[in-house]
Full PDB file with SEQRES, HELIX, SHEET, SSBOND, CRYST1, ORIGX, SCALE, CONECT and MASTER records, all heavy atoms in Angstrom:
SEQRES   1 A   43  GLU VAL GLY VAL PHE MET ASP THR GLU VAL SER PRO ASP          
SEQRES   2 A   43  CYS PRO ALA GLY GLN LEU TYR PHE ARG PRO ASP GLU ILE          
SEQRES   3 A   43  VAL ASN ALA GLY ARG LEU PHE ALA ALA GLN ILE LEU ASP          
SEQRES   4 A   43  GLU PRO ILE THR                                              
HELIX    1 AA1 PRO A   23  GLU A   25  5                                   3    
SHEET    1 AA1 2 VAL A   2  MET A   6  0                                        
SHEET    2 AA1 2 ARG A  31  GLN A  36 -1                                        
SHEET    1 AA2 2 GLU A   9  VAL A  10  0                                        
SHEET    2 AA2 2 ILE A  26  ASN A  28 -1                                        
CRYST1    1.000    1.000    1.000  90.00  90.00  90.00 P 1           1          
ORIGX1      1.000000  0.000000  0.000000        0.00000                         
ORIGX2      0.000000  1.000000  0.000000        0.00000                         
ORIGX3      0.000000  0.000000  1.000000        0.00000                         
SCALE1      1.000000  0.000000  0.000000        0.00000                         
SCALE2      0.000000  1.000000  0.000000        0.00000                         
SCALE3      0.000000  0.000000  1.000000        0.00000                         
ATOM      1  N   GLU A   1      -4.734  26.961  -5.938  1.00  0.00           N  
ATOM      2  CA  GLU A   1      -5.729  26.359  -6.821  1.00  0.00           C  
ATOM      3  C   GLU A   1      -7.048  26.156  -6.084  1.00  0.00           C  
ATOM      4  O   GLU A   1      -7.074  25.988  -4.869  1.00  0.00           O  
ATOM      5  CB  GLU A   1      -5.226  25.028  -7.378  1.00  0.00           C  
ATOM      6  CG  GLU A   1      -4.881  24.023  -6.294  1.00  0.00           C  
ATOM      7  CD  GLU A   1      -4.304  22.724  -6.826  1.00  0.00           C  
ATOM      8  OE1 GLU A   1      -4.437  22.441  -8.028  1.00  0.00           O  
ATOM      9  OE2 GLU A   1      -3.726  21.981  -6.020  1.00  0.00           O  
ATOM     10  N   VAL A   2      -8.124  26.201  -6.861  1.00  0.00           N  
ATOM     11  CA  VAL A   2      -9.471  26.011  -6.332  1.00  0.00           C  
ATOM     12  C   VAL A   2     -10.224  25.136  -7.326  1.00  0.00           C  
ATOM     13  O   VAL A   2     -10.021  25.245  -8.539  1.00  0.00           O  
ATOM     14  CB  VAL A   2     -10.202  27.363  -6.173  1.00  0.00           C  
ATOM     15  CG1 VAL A   2     -11.639  27.164  -5.734  1.00  0.00           C  
ATOM     16  CG2 VAL A   2      -9.480  28.260  -5.186  1.00  0.00           C  
ATOM     17  N   GLY A   3     -11.092  24.286  -6.806  1.00  0.00           N  
ATOM     18  CA  GLY A   3     -11.903  23.449  -7.673  1.00  0.00           C  
ATOM     19  C   GLY A   3     -13.270  23.202  -7.074  1.00  0.00           C  
ATOM     20  O   GLY A   3     -13.457  23.311  -5.858  1.00  0.00           O  
ATOM     21  N   VAL A   4     -14.221  22.868  -7.930  1.00  0.00           N  
ATOM     22  CA  VAL A   4     -15.564  22.495  -7.501  1.00  0.00           C  
ATOM     23  C   VAL A   4     -15.751  21.024  -7.848  1.00  0.00           C  
ATOM     24  O   VAL A   4     -15.564  20.637  -9.001  1.00  0.00           O  
ATOM     25  CB  VAL A   4     -16.648  23.341  -8.187  1.00  0.00           C  
ATOM     26  CG1 VAL A   4     -18.042  22.884  -7.755  1.00  0.00           C  
ATOM     27  CG2 VAL A   4     -16.443  24.822  -7.891  1.00  0.00           C  
ATOM     28  N   PHE A   5     -16.095  20.236  -6.841  1.00  0.00           N  
ATOM     29  CA  PHE A   5     -16.315  18.802  -7.027  1.00  0.00           C  
ATOM     30  C   PHE A   5     -17.784  18.471  -6.831  1.00  0.00           C  
ATOM     31  O   PHE A   5     -18.449  19.044  -5.960  1.00  0.00           O  
ATOM     32  CB  PHE A   5     -15.479  17.995  -6.030  1.00  0.00           C  
ATOM     33  CG  PHE A   5     -14.033  17.905  -6.387  1.00  0.00           C  
ATOM     34  CD1 PHE A   5     -13.153  18.912  -6.016  1.00  0.00           C  
ATOM     35  CD2 PHE A   5     -13.550  16.818  -7.097  1.00  0.00           C  
ATOM     36  CE1 PHE A   5     -11.809  18.831  -6.336  1.00  0.00           C  
ATOM     37  CE2 PHE A   5     -12.198  16.738  -7.435  1.00  0.00           C  
ATOM     38  CZ  PHE A   5     -11.330  17.737  -7.052  1.00  0.00           C  
ATOM     39  N   MET A   6     -18.245  17.520  -7.633  1.00  0.00           N  
ATOM     40  CA  MET A   6     -19.600  16.978  -7.501  1.00  0.00           C  
ATOM     41  C   MET A   6     -19.497  15.546  -6.992  1.00  0.00           C  
ATOM     42  O   MET A   6     -18.600  14.809  -7.389  1.00  0.00           O  
ATOM     43  CB  MET A   6     -20.298  16.935  -8.872  1.00  0.00           C  
ATOM     44  CG  MET A   6     -20.526  18.273  -9.491  1.00  0.00           C  
ATOM     45  SD  MET A   6     -21.163  18.225 -11.200  1.00  0.00           S  
ATOM     46  CE  MET A   6     -22.109  16.758 -11.285  1.00  0.00           C  
ATOM     47  N   ASP A   7     -20.432  15.175  -6.112  1.00  0.00           N  
ATOM     48  CA  ASP A   7     -20.600  13.791  -5.669  1.00  0.00           C  
ATOM     49  C   ASP A   7     -19.447  13.253  -4.837  1.00  0.00           C  
ATOM     50  O   ASP A   7     -19.148  12.058  -4.872  1.00  0.00           O  
ATOM     51  CB  ASP A   7     -20.872  12.867  -6.865  1.00  0.00           C  
ATOM     52  CG  ASP A   7     -22.127  13.260  -7.620  1.00  0.00           C  
ATOM     53  OD1 ASP A   7     -23.076  13.743  -6.973  1.00  0.00           O  
ATOM     54  OD2 ASP A   7     -22.165  13.086  -8.852  1.00  0.00           O  
ATOM     55  N   THR A   8     -18.810  14.101  -4.053  1.00  0.00           N  
ATOM     56  CA  THR A   8     -17.793  13.644  -3.114  1.00  0.00           C  
ATOM     57  C   THR A   8     -18.429  12.702  -2.095  1.00  0.00           C  
ATOM     58  O   THR A   8     -19.533  12.950  -1.620  1.00  0.00           O  
ATOM     59  CB  THR A   8     -17.187  14.857  -2.355  1.00  0.00           C  
ATOM     60  OG1 THR A   8     -16.523  15.691  -3.290  1.00  0.00           O  
ATOM     61  CG2 THR A   8     -16.207  14.420  -1.282  1.00  0.00           C  
ATOM     62  N   GLU A   9     -17.728  11.641  -1.772  1.00  0.00           N  
ATOM     63  CA  GLU A   9     -18.157  10.739  -0.702  1.00  0.00           C  
ATOM     64  C   GLU A   9     -17.108  10.799   0.404  1.00  0.00           C  
ATOM     65  O   GLU A   9     -15.928  10.577   0.153  1.00  0.00           O  
ATOM     66  CB  GLU A   9     -18.290   9.312  -1.215  1.00  0.00           C  
ATOM     67  CG  GLU A   9     -19.382   9.144  -2.251  1.00  0.00           C  
ATOM     68  CD  GLU A   9     -19.409   7.738  -2.834  1.00  0.00           C  
ATOM     69  OE1 GLU A   9     -19.037   6.773  -2.122  1.00  0.00           O  
ATOM     70  OE2 GLU A   9     -19.799   7.605  -4.000  1.00  0.00           O  
ATOM     71  N   VAL A  10     -17.570  11.120   1.598  1.00  0.00           N  
ATOM     72  CA  VAL A  10     -16.654  11.231   2.731  1.00  0.00           C  
ATOM     73  C   VAL A  10     -16.716   9.966   3.579  1.00  0.00           C  
ATOM     74  O   VAL A  10     -17.661   9.186   3.504  1.00  0.00           O  
ATOM     75  CB  VAL A  10     -16.953  12.484   3.582  1.00  0.00           C  
ATOM     76  CG1 VAL A  10     -16.788  13.740   2.740  1.00  0.00           C  
ATOM     77  CG2 VAL A  10     -18.318  12.417   4.200  1.00  0.00           C  
ATOM     78  N   SER A  11     -15.718   9.795   4.410  1.00  0.00           N  
ATOM     79  CA  SER A  11     -15.636   8.623   5.273  1.00  0.00           C  
ATOM     80  C   SER A  11     -16.845   8.559   6.201  1.00  0.00           C  
ATOM     81  O   SER A  11     -17.269   9.578   6.758  1.00  0.00           O  
ATOM     82  CB  SER A  11     -14.355   8.698   6.116  1.00  0.00           C  
ATOM     83  OG  SER A  11     -14.379   7.721   7.132  1.00  0.00           O  
ATOM     84  N   PRO A  12     -17.388   7.364   6.398  1.00  0.00           N  
ATOM     85  CA  PRO A  12     -18.506   7.224   7.339  1.00  0.00           C  
ATOM     86  C   PRO A  12     -18.077   7.515   8.782  1.00  0.00           C  
ATOM     87  O   PRO A  12     -18.934   7.705   9.653  1.00  0.00           O  
ATOM     88  CB  PRO A  12     -18.955   5.775   7.164  1.00  0.00           C  
ATOM     89  CG  PRO A  12     -17.831   5.071   6.489  1.00  0.00           C  
ATOM     90  CD  PRO A  12     -17.047   6.110   5.742  1.00  0.00           C  
ATOM     91  N   ASP A  13     -16.776   7.586   9.036  1.00  0.00           N  
ATOM     92  CA  ASP A  13     -16.277   7.900  10.377  1.00  0.00           C  
ATOM     93  C   ASP A  13     -16.362   9.393  10.695  1.00  0.00           C  
ATOM     94  O   ASP A  13     -16.189   9.778  11.851  1.00  0.00           O  
ATOM     95  CB  ASP A  13     -14.823   7.438  10.525  1.00  0.00           C  
ATOM     96  CG  ASP A  13     -14.671   5.938  10.366  1.00  0.00           C  
ATOM     97  OD1 ASP A  13     -15.651   5.202  10.652  1.00  0.00           O  
ATOM     98  OD2 ASP A  13     -13.588   5.495   9.938  1.00  0.00           O  
ATOM     99  N   CYS A  14     -16.602  10.221   9.678  1.00  0.00           N  
ATOM    100  CA  CYS A  14     -16.711  11.661   9.913  1.00  0.00           C  
ATOM    101  C   CYS A  14     -18.015  11.956  10.661  1.00  0.00           C  
ATOM    102  O   CYS A  14     -19.054  11.366  10.346  1.00  0.00           O  
ATOM    103  CB  CYS A  14     -16.688  12.432   8.592  1.00  0.00           C  
ATOM    104  SG  CYS A  14     -15.109  12.359   7.743  1.00  0.00           S  
ATOM    105  N   PRO A  15     -17.965  12.868  11.626  1.00  0.00           N  
ATOM    106  CA  PRO A  15     -19.191  13.185  12.376  1.00  0.00           C  
ATOM    107  C   PRO A  15     -20.242  13.872  11.507  1.00  0.00           C  
ATOM    108  O   PRO A  15     -19.904  14.618  10.583  1.00  0.00           O  
ATOM    109  CB  PRO A  15     -18.704  14.127  13.483  1.00  0.00           C  
ATOM    110  CG  PRO A  15     -17.323  14.518  13.143  1.00  0.00           C  
ATOM    111  CD  PRO A  15     -16.796  13.597  12.097  1.00  0.00           C  
ATOM    112  N   ALA A  16     -21.501  13.595  11.818  1.00  0.00           N  
ATOM    113  CA  ALA A  16     -22.603  14.261  11.118  1.00  0.00           C  
ATOM    114  C   ALA A  16     -22.456  15.765  11.298  1.00  0.00           C  
ATOM    115  O   ALA A  16     -22.094  16.239  12.373  1.00  0.00           O  
ATOM    116  CB  ALA A  16     -23.942  13.782  11.672  1.00  0.00           C  
ATOM    117  N   GLY A  17     -22.706  16.501  10.240  1.00  0.00           N  
ATOM    118  CA  GLY A  17     -22.617  17.959  10.310  1.00  0.00           C  
ATOM    119  C   GLY A  17     -21.245  18.520   9.995  1.00  0.00           C  
ATOM    120  O   GLY A  17     -21.084  19.732   9.902  1.00  0.00           O  
ATOM    121  N   GLN A  18     -20.246  17.666   9.829  1.00  0.00           N  
ATOM    122  CA  GLN A  18     -18.915  18.151   9.459  1.00  0.00           C  
ATOM    123  C   GLN A  18     -18.995  18.755   8.068  1.00  0.00           C  
ATOM    124  O   GLN A  18     -19.601  18.188   7.168  1.00  0.00           O  
ATOM    125  CB  GLN A  18     -17.909  17.002   9.501  1.00  0.00           C  
ATOM    126  CG  GLN A  18     -16.497  17.423   9.160  1.00  0.00           C  
ATOM    127  CD  GLN A  18     -15.496  16.285   9.346  1.00  0.00           C  
ATOM    128  OE1 GLN A  18     -15.729  15.351  10.106  1.00  0.00           O  
ATOM    129  NE2 GLN A  18     -14.380  16.365   8.642  1.00  0.00           N  
ATOM    130  N   LEU A  19     -18.376  19.920   7.865  1.00  0.00           N  
ATOM    131  CA  LEU A  19     -18.465  20.631   6.589  1.00  0.00           C  
ATOM    132  C   LEU A  19     -17.140  20.701   5.835  1.00  0.00           C  
ATOM    133  O   LEU A  19     -17.123  20.918   4.626  1.00  0.00           O  
ATOM    134  CB  LEU A  19     -18.992  22.048   6.813  1.00  0.00           C  
ATOM    135  CG  LEU A  19     -20.383  22.154   7.441  1.00  0.00           C  
ATOM    136  CD1 LEU A  19     -20.737  23.607   7.710  1.00  0.00           C  
ATOM    137  CD2 LEU A  19     -21.426  21.499   6.563  1.00  0.00           C  
ATOM    138  N   TYR A  20     -16.009  20.564   6.542  1.00  0.00           N  
ATOM    139  CA  TYR A  20     -14.688  20.643   5.918  1.00  0.00           C  
ATOM    140  C   TYR A  20     -14.046  19.268   6.005  1.00  0.00           C  
ATOM    141  O   TYR A  20     -14.087  18.619   7.054  1.00  0.00           O  
ATOM    142  CB  TYR A  20     -13.813  21.680   6.622  1.00  0.00           C  
ATOM    143  CG  TYR A  20     -12.455  21.856   5.979  1.00  0.00           C  
ATOM    144  CD1 TYR A  20     -12.314  22.621   4.830  1.00  0.00           C  
ATOM    145  CD2 TYR A  20     -11.321  21.257   6.514  1.00  0.00           C  
ATOM    146  CE1 TYR A  20     -11.067  22.794   4.233  1.00  0.00           C  
ATOM    147  CE2 TYR A  20     -10.071  21.431   5.921  1.00  0.00           C  
ATOM    148  CZ  TYR A  20      -9.959  22.197   4.784  1.00  0.00           C  
ATOM    149  OH  TYR A  20      -8.724  22.366   4.189  1.00  0.00           O  
ATOM    150  N   PHE A  21     -13.429  18.851   4.895  1.00  0.00           N  
ATOM    151  CA  PHE A  21     -12.849  17.515   4.841  1.00  0.00           C  
ATOM    152  C   PHE A  21     -11.441  17.565   4.270  1.00  0.00           C  
ATOM    153  O   PHE A  21     -11.205  18.156   3.215  1.00  0.00           O  
ATOM    154  CB  PHE A  21     -13.719  16.604   3.969  1.00  0.00           C  
ATOM    155  CG  PHE A  21     -15.139  16.530   4.454  1.00  0.00           C  
ATOM    156  CD1 PHE A  21     -16.096  17.381   3.931  1.00  0.00           C  
ATOM    157  CD2 PHE A  21     -15.497  15.643   5.453  1.00  0.00           C  
ATOM    158  CE1 PHE A  21     -17.409  17.343   4.385  1.00  0.00           C  
ATOM    159  CE2 PHE A  21     -16.804  15.595   5.918  1.00  0.00           C  
ATOM    160  CZ  PHE A  21     -17.762  16.452   5.390  1.00  0.00           C  
ATOM    161  N   ARG A  22     -10.515  16.947   4.978  1.00  0.00           N  
ATOM    162  CA  ARG A  22      -9.148  16.785   4.482  1.00  0.00           C  
ATOM    163  C   ARG A  22      -9.113  15.590   3.521  1.00  0.00           C  
ATOM    164  O   ARG A  22     -10.006  14.740   3.547  1.00  0.00           O  
ATOM    165  CB  ARG A  22      -8.197  16.539   5.654  1.00  0.00           C  
ATOM    166  CG  ARG A  22      -8.091  17.705   6.626  1.00  0.00           C  
ATOM    167  CD  ARG A  22      -7.109  17.378   7.767  1.00  0.00           C  
ATOM    168  NE  ARG A  22      -7.255  16.029   8.294  1.00  0.00           N  
ATOM    169  CZ  ARG A  22      -8.103  15.670   9.268  1.00  0.00           C  
ATOM    170  NH1 ARG A  22      -8.892  16.563   9.833  1.00  0.00           N  
ATOM    171  NH2 ARG A  22      -8.156  14.414   9.680  1.00  0.00           N  
ATOM    172  N   PRO A  23      -8.111  15.484   2.671  1.00  0.00           N  
ATOM    173  CA  PRO A  23      -8.055  14.370   1.718  1.00  0.00           C  
ATOM    174  C   PRO A  23      -8.163  12.988   2.372  1.00  0.00           C  
ATOM    175  O   PRO A  23      -8.757  12.079   1.793  1.00  0.00           O  
ATOM    176  CB  PRO A  23      -6.704  14.565   1.024  1.00  0.00           C  
ATOM    177  CG  PRO A  23      -6.498  16.039   1.058  1.00  0.00           C  
ATOM    178  CD  PRO A  23      -7.041  16.463   2.419  1.00  0.00           C  
ATOM    179  N   ASP A  24      -7.620  12.812   3.576  1.00  0.00           N  
ATOM    180  CA  ASP A  24      -7.684  11.501   4.234  1.00  0.00           C  
ATOM    181  C   ASP A  24      -9.090  11.166   4.750  1.00  0.00           C  
ATOM    182  O   ASP A  24      -9.341  10.043   5.183  1.00  0.00           O  
ATOM    183  CB  ASP A  24      -6.661  11.405   5.369  1.00  0.00           C  
ATOM    184  CG  ASP A  24      -6.911  12.382   6.494  1.00  0.00           C  
ATOM    185  OD1 ASP A  24      -7.320  13.536   6.233  1.00  0.00           O  
ATOM    186  OD2 ASP A  24      -6.702  12.003   7.670  1.00  0.00           O  
ATOM    187  N   GLU A  25     -10.022  12.124   4.678  1.00  0.00           N  
ATOM    188  CA  GLU A  25     -11.398  11.893   5.110  1.00  0.00           C  
ATOM    189  C   GLU A  25     -12.336  11.651   3.920  1.00  0.00           C  
ATOM    190  O   GLU A  25     -13.541  11.530   4.091  1.00  0.00           O  
ATOM    191  CB  GLU A  25     -11.901  13.089   5.922  1.00  0.00           C  
ATOM    192  CG  GLU A  25     -11.124  13.291   7.212  1.00  0.00           C  
ATOM    193  CD  GLU A  25     -11.513  14.563   7.937  1.00  0.00           C  
ATOM    194  OE1 GLU A  25     -11.517  15.638   7.299  1.00  0.00           O  
ATOM    195  OE2 GLU A  25     -11.810  14.466   9.144  1.00  0.00           O  
ATOM    196  N   ILE A  26     -11.767  11.578   2.724  1.00  0.00           N  
ATOM    197  CA  ILE A  26     -12.558  11.420   1.501  1.00  0.00           C  
ATOM    198  C   ILE A  26     -12.327  10.017   0.944  1.00  0.00           C  
ATOM    199  O   ILE A  26     -11.190   9.615   0.724  1.00  0.00           O  
ATOM    200  CB  ILE A  26     -12.166  12.498   0.468  1.00  0.00           C  
ATOM    201  CG1 ILE A  26     -12.504  13.885   1.030  1.00  0.00           C  
ATOM    202  CG2 ILE A  26     -12.859  12.254  -0.861  1.00  0.00           C  
ATOM    203  CD1 ILE A  26     -11.937  15.031   0.251  1.00  0.00           C  
ATOM    204  N   VAL A  27     -13.411   9.270   0.723  1.00  0.00           N  
ATOM    205  CA  VAL A  27     -13.282   7.922   0.168  1.00  0.00           C  
ATOM    206  C   VAL A  27     -13.490   7.912  -1.343  1.00  0.00           C  
ATOM    207  O   VAL A  27     -13.023   7.016  -2.025  1.00  0.00           O  
ATOM    208  CB  VAL A  27     -14.229   6.917   0.870  1.00  0.00           C  
ATOM    209  CG1 VAL A  27     -13.848   6.741   2.324  1.00  0.00           C  
ATOM    210  CG2 VAL A  27     -15.677   7.327   0.752  1.00  0.00           C  
ATOM    211  N   ASN A  28     -14.206   8.905  -1.873  1.00  0.00           N  
ATOM    212  CA  ASN A  28     -14.385   9.054  -3.319  1.00  0.00           C  
ATOM    213  C   ASN A  28     -14.415  10.550  -3.614  1.00  0.00           C  
ATOM    214  O   ASN A  28     -15.319  11.243  -3.165  1.00  0.00           O  
ATOM    215  CB  ASN A  28     -15.678   8.383  -3.784  1.00  0.00           C  
ATOM    216  CG  ASN A  28     -15.907   8.521  -5.282  1.00  0.00           C  
ATOM    217  OD1 ASN A  28     -15.219   9.257  -5.978  1.00  0.00           O  
ATOM    218  ND2 ASN A  28     -16.902   7.802  -5.776  1.00  0.00           N  
ATOM    219  N   ALA A  29     -13.437  11.019  -4.356  1.00  0.00           N  
ATOM    220  CA  ALA A  29     -13.311  12.462  -4.619  1.00  0.00           C  
ATOM    221  C   ALA A  29     -14.475  13.013  -5.430  1.00  0.00           C  
ATOM    222  O   ALA A  29     -14.757  14.206  -5.371  1.00  0.00           O  
ATOM    223  CB  ALA A  29     -12.007  12.761  -5.338  1.00  0.00           C  
ATOM    224  N   GLY A  30     -15.160  12.170  -6.178  1.00  0.00           N  
ATOM    225  CA  GLY A  30     -16.217  12.659  -7.052  1.00  0.00           C  
ATOM    226  C   GLY A  30     -15.626  13.195  -8.341  1.00  0.00           C  
ATOM    227  O   GLY A  30     -14.498  12.867  -8.709  1.00  0.00           O  
ATOM    228  N   ARG A  31     -16.383  14.031  -9.013  1.00  0.00           N  
ATOM    229  CA  ARG A  31     -15.945  14.591 -10.301  1.00  0.00           C  
ATOM    230  C   ARG A  31     -15.573  16.061 -10.147  1.00  0.00           C  
ATOM    231  O   ARG A  31     -16.324  16.836  -9.558  1.00  0.00           O  
ATOM    232  CB  ARG A  31     -17.052  14.470 -11.340  1.00  0.00           C  
ATOM    233  CG  ARG A  31     -17.367  13.056 -11.716  1.00  0.00           C  
ATOM    234  CD  ARG A  31     -18.294  13.011 -12.926  1.00  0.00           C  
ATOM    235  NE  ARG A  31     -18.663  11.655 -13.237  1.00  0.00           N  
ATOM    236  CZ  ARG A  31     -17.938  10.831 -13.987  1.00  0.00           C  
ATOM    237  NH1 ARG A  31     -16.805  11.247 -14.501  1.00  0.00           N  
ATOM    238  NH2 ARG A  31     -18.347   9.608 -14.230  1.00  0.00           N  
ATOM    239  N   LEU A  32     -14.427  16.414 -10.708  1.00  0.00           N  
ATOM    240  CA  LEU A  32     -13.995  17.803 -10.732  1.00  0.00           C  
ATOM    241  C   LEU A  32     -14.794  18.514 -11.814  1.00  0.00           C  
ATOM    242  O   LEU A  32     -14.646  18.239 -13.004  1.00  0.00           O  
ATOM    243  CB  LEU A  32     -12.496  17.897 -11.015  1.00  0.00           C  
ATOM    244  CG  LEU A  32     -11.892  19.294 -11.065  1.00  0.00           C  
ATOM    245  CD1 LEU A  32     -12.075  20.038  -9.747  1.00  0.00           C  
ATOM    246  CD2 LEU A  32     -10.414  19.208 -11.430  1.00  0.00           C  
ATOM    247  N   PHE A  33     -15.665  19.404 -11.394  1.00  0.00           N  
ATOM    248  CA  PHE A  33     -16.576  20.107 -12.299  1.00  0.00           C  
ATOM    249  C   PHE A  33     -15.929  21.365 -12.884  1.00  0.00           C  
ATOM    250  O   PHE A  33     -16.095  21.681 -14.053  1.00  0.00           O  
ATOM    251  CB  PHE A  33     -17.858  20.451 -11.535  1.00  0.00           C  
ATOM    252  CG  PHE A  33     -18.733  21.463 -12.194  1.00  0.00           C  
ATOM    253  CD1 PHE A  33     -19.352  21.184 -13.396  1.00  0.00           C  
ATOM    254  CD2 PHE A  33     -18.935  22.697 -11.622  1.00  0.00           C  
ATOM    255  CE1 PHE A  33     -20.159  22.125 -14.012  1.00  0.00           C  
ATOM    256  CE2 PHE A  33     -19.742  23.641 -12.224  1.00  0.00           C  
ATOM    257  CZ  PHE A  33     -20.353  23.351 -13.428  1.00  0.00           C  
ATOM    258  N   ALA A  34     -15.202  22.102 -12.057  1.00  0.00           N  
ATOM    259  CA  ALA A  34     -14.545  23.336 -12.489  1.00  0.00           C  
ATOM    260  C   ALA A  34     -13.262  23.496 -11.679  1.00  0.00           C  
ATOM    261  O   ALA A  34     -13.200  23.074 -10.526  1.00  0.00           O  
ATOM    262  CB  ALA A  34     -15.469  24.538 -12.271  1.00  0.00           C  
ATOM    263  N   ALA A  35     -12.250  24.098 -12.287  1.00  0.00           N  
ATOM    264  CA  ALA A  35     -10.975  24.299 -11.595  1.00  0.00           C  
ATOM    265  C   ALA A  35     -10.347  25.608 -12.045  1.00  0.00           C  
ATOM    266  O   ALA A  35     -10.599  26.076 -13.154  1.00  0.00           O  
ATOM    267  CB  ALA A  35     -10.028  23.139 -11.879  1.00  0.00           C  
ATOM    268  N   GLN A  36      -9.546  26.157 -11.158  1.00  0.00           N  
ATOM    269  CA  GLN A  36      -8.914  27.444 -11.439  1.00  0.00           C  
ATOM    270  C   GLN A  36      -7.583  27.534 -10.713  1.00  0.00           C  
ATOM    271  O   GLN A  36      -7.473  27.161  -9.544  1.00  0.00           O  
ATOM    272  CB  GLN A  36      -9.839  28.566 -10.960  1.00  0.00           C  
ATOM    273  CG  GLN A  36      -9.290  29.940 -11.078  1.00  0.00           C  
ATOM    274  CD  GLN A  36     -10.258  30.996 -10.541  1.00  0.00           C  
ATOM    275  OE1 GLN A  36     -11.360  30.699 -10.096  1.00  0.00           O  
ATOM    276  NE2 GLN A  36      -9.833  32.233 -10.565  1.00  0.00           N  
ATOM    277  N   ILE A  37      -6.575  28.033 -11.414  1.00  0.00           N  
ATOM    278  CA  ILE A  37      -5.318  28.410 -10.781  1.00  0.00           C  
ATOM    279  C   ILE A  37      -5.494  29.856 -10.344  1.00  0.00           C  
ATOM    280  O   ILE A  37      -5.927  30.701 -11.134  1.00  0.00           O  
ATOM    281  CB  ILE A  37      -4.132  28.266 -11.749  1.00  0.00           C  
ATOM    282  CG1 ILE A  37      -3.959  26.798 -12.163  1.00  0.00           C  
ATOM    283  CG2 ILE A  37      -2.852  28.812 -11.119  1.00  0.00           C  
ATOM    284  CD1 ILE A  37      -2.947  26.568 -13.273  1.00  0.00           C  
ATOM    285  N   LEU A  38      -5.189  30.143  -9.096  1.00  0.00           N  
ATOM    286  CA  LEU A  38      -5.377  31.490  -8.569  1.00  0.00           C  
ATOM    287  C   LEU A  38      -4.314  32.434  -9.114  1.00  0.00           C  
ATOM    288  O   LEU A  38      -3.132  32.081  -9.174  1.00  0.00           O  
ATOM    289  CB  LEU A  38      -5.324  31.475  -7.044  1.00  0.00           C  
ATOM    290  CG  LEU A  38      -6.375  30.594  -6.359  1.00  0.00           C  
ATOM    291  CD1 LEU A  38      -6.125  30.548  -4.856  1.00  0.00           C  
ATOM    292  CD2 LEU A  38      -7.771  31.110  -6.659  1.00  0.00           C  
ATOM    293  N   ASP A  39      -4.736  33.626  -9.515  1.00  0.00           N  
ATOM    294  CA  ASP A  39      -3.793  34.624 -10.041  1.00  0.00           C  
ATOM    295  C   ASP A  39      -2.711  34.952  -9.021  1.00  0.00           C  
ATOM    296  O   ASP A  39      -1.562  35.150  -9.377  1.00  0.00           O  
ATOM    297  CB  ASP A  39      -4.522  35.914 -10.425  1.00  0.00           C  
ATOM    298  CG  ASP A  39      -5.279  35.786 -11.727  1.00  0.00           C  
ATOM    299  OD1 ASP A  39      -4.903  34.942 -12.557  1.00  0.00           O  
ATOM    300  OD2 ASP A  39      -6.252  36.517 -11.916  1.00  0.00           O  
ATOM    301  N   GLU A  40      -3.099  35.043  -7.764  1.00  0.00           N  
ATOM    302  CA  GLU A  40      -2.161  35.319  -6.669  1.00  0.00           C  
ATOM    303  C   GLU A  40      -2.388  34.267  -5.595  1.00  0.00           C  
ATOM    304  O   GLU A  40      -3.534  34.031  -5.201  1.00  0.00           O  
ATOM    305  CB  GLU A  40      -2.413  36.704  -6.066  1.00  0.00           C  
ATOM    306  CG  GLU A  40      -2.210  37.858  -7.007  1.00  0.00           C  
ATOM    307  CD  GLU A  40      -0.752  38.118  -7.329  1.00  0.00           C  
ATOM    308  OE1 GLU A  40       0.111  37.776  -6.492  1.00  0.00           O  
ATOM    309  OE2 GLU A  40      -0.485  38.647  -8.422  1.00  0.00           O  
ATOM    310  N   PRO A  41      -1.329  33.617  -5.109  1.00  0.00           N  
ATOM    311  CA  PRO A  41      -1.519  32.655  -4.026  1.00  0.00           C  
ATOM    312  C   PRO A  41      -2.159  33.323  -2.803  1.00  0.00           C  
ATOM    313  O   PRO A  41      -1.947  34.504  -2.543  1.00  0.00           O  
ATOM    314  CB  PRO A  41      -0.105  32.191  -3.697  1.00  0.00           C  
ATOM    315  CG  PRO A  41       0.693  32.485  -4.915  1.00  0.00           C  
ATOM    316  CD  PRO A  41       0.074  33.723  -5.509  1.00  0.00           C  
ATOM    317  N   ILE A  42      -2.941  32.547  -2.087  1.00  0.00           N  
ATOM    318  CA  ILE A  42      -3.554  33.008  -0.838  1.00  0.00           C  
ATOM    319  C   ILE A  42      -2.762  32.383   0.302  1.00  0.00           C  
ATOM    320  O   ILE A  42      -2.688  31.155   0.412  1.00  0.00           O  
ATOM    321  CB  ILE A  42      -5.027  32.564  -0.732  1.00  0.00           C  
ATOM    322  CG1 ILE A  42      -5.861  33.182  -1.850  1.00  0.00           C  
ATOM    323  CG2 ILE A  42      -5.590  32.909   0.641  1.00  0.00           C  
ATOM    324  CD1 ILE A  42      -7.272  32.617  -1.935  1.00  0.00           C  
ATOM    325  N   THR A  43      -2.165  33.223   1.123  1.00  0.00           N  
ATOM    326  CA  THR A  43      -1.455  32.721   2.296  1.00  0.00           C  
ATOM    327  C   THR A  43      -2.423  32.741   3.469  1.00  0.00           C  
ATOM    328  O   THR A  43      -2.879  33.803   3.883  1.00  0.00           O  
ATOM    329  CB  THR A  43      -0.208  33.578   2.605  1.00  0.00           C  
ATOM    330  OG1 THR A  43       0.629  33.575   1.441  1.00  0.00           O  
ATOM    331  CG2 THR A  43       0.548  33.020   3.794  1.00  0.00           C  
TER     332      THR A  43                                                      
MASTER        0    0    0    1    4    0    0    6  331    1    0    4          
END                                                                             
């Protein structure tokens, strides 16, 4: 699955410039704008 989120808020403990965030680094997921189930899983 893939989704596009708007207005995600990440933990203030994350270093400046970090671009990838795991769920435990997110304090507010924001709004799911678009979502898709992938036709074929990506391994």
